[in-house]
Protein backbone atom coordinates (compact mmCIF):
# COMPACT_ATOMS: atom_id res chain seq x y z
CA GLU A 1 0.09 0.12 0.02
CA CYS A 2 2.85 2.21 0.76
CA ARG A 3 4.30 2.27 -2.81
CA LYS A 4 0.87 2.51 -4.29
CA SER A 5 0.23 5.79 -2.11
CA PHE A 6 3.71 6.94 -3.03
CA LEU A 7 4.84 7.04 0.76
CA PRO A 8 8.41 6.83 1.62
CA PRO A 9 9.97 3.32 2.06
CA GLU A 10 10.41 4.44 5.89
CA ILE A 11 6.80 4.65 6.52
CA GLY A 12 6.45 0.99 4.99
CA LEU A 13 9.28 -0.35 7.22
CA LEU A 14 7.62 1.25 10.38
CA THR A 15 4.37 -0.47 9.40
CA TYR A 16 6.15 -3.80 8.98
CA THR A 17 8.04 -3.53 12.08
CA SER A 18 5.15 -2.28 14.15
CA LYS A 19 2.37 -4.57 12.76
CA ILE A 20 3.64 -7.63 10.88
CA ARG A 21 6.85 -8.63 12.60
CA PRO A 22 5.30 -8.78 16.27
CA ILE A 23 2.92 -11.26 14.69
CA LEU A 24 5.70 -13.35 13.15
CA GLU A 25 7.95 -13.30 16.41
CA TYR A 26 4.86 -13.99 18.84
CA ALA A 27 6.20 -16.16 21.52
CA SER A 28 9.40 -16.98 19.54
CA PRO A 29 11.35 -18.07 22.53
CA VAL A 30 9.07 -21.05 22.88
CA TRP A 31 8.85 -22.12 19.26
CA GLY A 32 12.33 -20.97 18.45
CA GLY A 33 13.70 -24.26 17.60
CA ILE A 34 11.65 -24.90 14.66
CA PRO A 35 12.42 -27.03 11.60
CA LYS A 36 14.57 -25.46 9.04
CA TYR A 37 11.85 -25.64 6.35
CA LEU A 38 9.51 -23.74 8.78
CA GLU A 39 12.14 -21.39 9.42
CA VAL A 40 12.71 -20.68 5.83
CA GLU A 41 8.89 -20.02 5.38
CA VAL A 42 8.98 -17.38 8.35
CA GLU A 43 12.07 -15.69 6.73
CA ARG A 44 10.22 -15.53 3.37
CA VAL A 45 7.43 -13.21 4.87
CA GLN A 46 10.06 -10.82 5.95
CA GLN A 47 12.00 -10.94 2.57
CA ARG A 48 8.74 -10.44 0.67
CA SER A 49 7.81 -7.55 2.71
CA LEU A 50 11.05 -5.80 2.19
CA ARG A 51 10.92 -6.67 -1.47
CA ILE A 52 7.50 -5.06 -1.66
CA LEU A 53 8.85 -1.96 0.01
CA GLY A 54 11.63 -1.92 -2.33
CA LEU A 55 14.24 -2.28 0.27
CA GLU A 56 17.29 -4.57 0.33
CA LYS A 57 17.28 -8.11 2.21
CA ASP A 58 19.73 -6.96 4.83
CA THR A 59 17.85 -3.83 5.81
CA LEU A 60 16.75 -5.65 8.93
CA PRO A 61 18.36 -8.40 10.96
CA THR A 62 16.85 -11.88 10.05
CA LEU A 63 13.95 -13.28 12.17
CA LYS A 64 16.36 -16.11 13.25
CA GLU A 65 18.81 -13.79 14.70
CA ARG A 66 16.04 -12.09 16.56
CA ARG A 67 14.62 -15.35 17.83
CA ASP A 68 17.97 -16.39 19.05
CA LYS A 69 18.67 -13.18 20.96
CA ALA A 70 14.94 -13.42 22.35
CA THR A 71 15.51 -16.93 23.31
CA CYS A 72 18.84 -16.07 25.23
CA ASN A 73 17.13 -13.16 26.96
CA GLU A 74 14.23 -15.27 28.13
CA LEU A 75 16.58 -18.13 29.46
CA LYS A 76 18.78 -15.53 31.21
CA ARG A 77 15.72 -14.07 32.72
CA ILE A 78 14.57 -17.47 34.07
CA VAL A 79 17.89 -18.37 35.42
CA GLU A 80 18.63 -15.03 37.08
CA VAL A 81 15.21 -14.65 38.94
CA PRO A 82 15.17 -17.31 41.71
CA ASN A 83 11.55 -17.49 42.27
CA ASN A 84 10.68 -17.90 38.39
CA PRO A 85 8.22 -20.81 38.11
CA CYS A 86 10.21 -22.05 35.18
CA ASN A 87 13.18 -22.70 37.44
CA ARG A 88 11.76 -26.06 38.44
CA PHE A 89 12.36 -27.45 34.91
CA LEU A 90 16.12 -26.59 34.85
CA SER A 91 18.45 -28.72 36.42
CA GLY A 92 21.23 -27.20 38.71
CA ASN A 93 24.86 -27.14 38.19
CA LYS A 94 26.25 -30.69 39.20
CA ASN A 95 29.78 -30.87 40.72
CA HIS A 96 30.72 -34.47 40.69
CA THR A 97 33.46 -35.60 43.29
CA TYR A 98 34.55 -38.73 41.41
CA GLU A 99 36.46 -38.95 38.12
CA ARG A 100 33.83 -39.55 35.35
CA ARG A 101 36.17 -40.91 32.71
CA ARG A 102 39.05 -43.22 33.17
CA THR A 103 42.58 -42.09 32.24
CA ARG A 104 44.33 -43.92 29.37
CA ASP A 105 46.98 -45.60 31.74
CA SER A 106 44.27 -47.02 34.25
CA THR A 107 43.22 -49.79 32.11
CA PRO A 108 45.33 -51.91 30.01
CA ARG A 109 44.31 -52.03 26.19
CA GLN A 110 44.33 -55.19 24.20
CA LEU A 111 44.55 -54.19 20.50
CA SER A 112 43.76 -57.64 19.05
CA LYS A 113 43.52 -61.40 20.09
CA THR A 114 46.01 -62.41 17.62
CA HIS A 115 49.80 -62.49 18.36
CA ARG A 116 50.68 -60.22 15.27
CA HIS A 117 50.81 -57.11 17.26
């Protein structure tokens, strides 16, 4: 509509970032681990919007970059707030007092059962 109305691309970009992108990013930290083919479909909406506005693809950060950032921020907020209800789903740091792997020298290795080696 912006191109038909001869409005500047900045108005179209503002419309996209305020009306369309929030719908595409709604609850993105929850569904952020979507399969690649769905990720491509979501990115296609942004690329198409930018193309309609006559702007370059790299005008805005990709939706994947924004999803990753939102997911990191959400996890950080969950971890930092001690009474967050989601904390019960996170396992705490585990400090083991025992060695979990054997060292190479502690067990003899038998390379083969033949006498060739």
